[in-house]
């Protein structure tokens, strides 16, 4: 049965049905519906607990402690709040602890405003914290995907013992659409080999990210990088729309991809063979499919709600084989179909 929900609420409900029993966070617009929803639901669930931390710094470190026990834990925030979590994100990745972090992106830099943006792309996919680590980054484009990718995020976090970040724009978090849930989602990951649940009757476990010897630290980083390489090999996700014969490939994610889908349809009515490529995993990035499209497209156009961030990864994927152009809006402005279509015509 489908229910009408806000994107933020869909994330919270999906997390609970996926076995998340612990939430730590701090309210900030435009994601405050997530902690509000969790504060109502988690106390009614066996083993469930909701804690409003005093800061986002506290919240991410509470997630660290909870993840050490093998429990599924969630935190969420918006752009400046996620910035405060970056040290903790590095610690989580360094200690190989699974969790899901949600960023409902707003305008910046600084305090910016509460309007939607996509300018946290660099922070998410390049690693806003210190050291050599990666986050898997998922980008939904609908309320249904807000739910589905939250469940997937927990499964991937457990599979690779790594934090997963879900990024969505403020308007996607606030908008309401029909969404369908399963009654529950299976959590079959065995964490007994590493989780801290008490060592009675077995050898104790140690969770750490400190290795004082240089060679030992390097060996550990290579171990982490082997895991990230496997993610790149097996976990790339994307959606294509009318790309099979596209002479113009428009690359967009999140809410902008919905606008671009309309653009593709209108351009095709004009006889312009346009197509949409939507990355669902912002990392690992779908560079191979972009490279293949560059073999037949006249050019690629990247549309973002920023001054241009994902466009750099598209350029790296194309490697100079075809022109890559950029069109973006910022400050909370969403690019409209007419202006994107005009940009395509200009380059044609």
Foldseek 3Di string as FASTA:
>chain_A
DWDKDFLLLLLQVLLVLLQAQEEEEADDPPNNVNLVNLVPPNVVDVNHDYDYDPALCVRLVVVVVVQLQVGEYEYEDEDVRVLSCQQSQVFQQLLLGEYEYEYAYAADDPPQDRFWFDVCLCCQAVRVHDDDGGAWEFEDAASQVSSVVSSVSRVVCLVLSHYHYYYAINVRRGDIDIYDDDSHDDDPRDPVVAHQDDQVPHDDHDGGNDDPDPVVNVVSSVVNVVSLVVCLVPPWDKDKFQLPQAQEEEEEEYNLQVQVVVLCVVVVVVVHRYMYIYTRTSPVYPLQVLCVSLVRHQEYEYEGQDPDDSQVVSCVSVVPSHYYHYDYHYSNDHDHSVVVNVVVVVVD
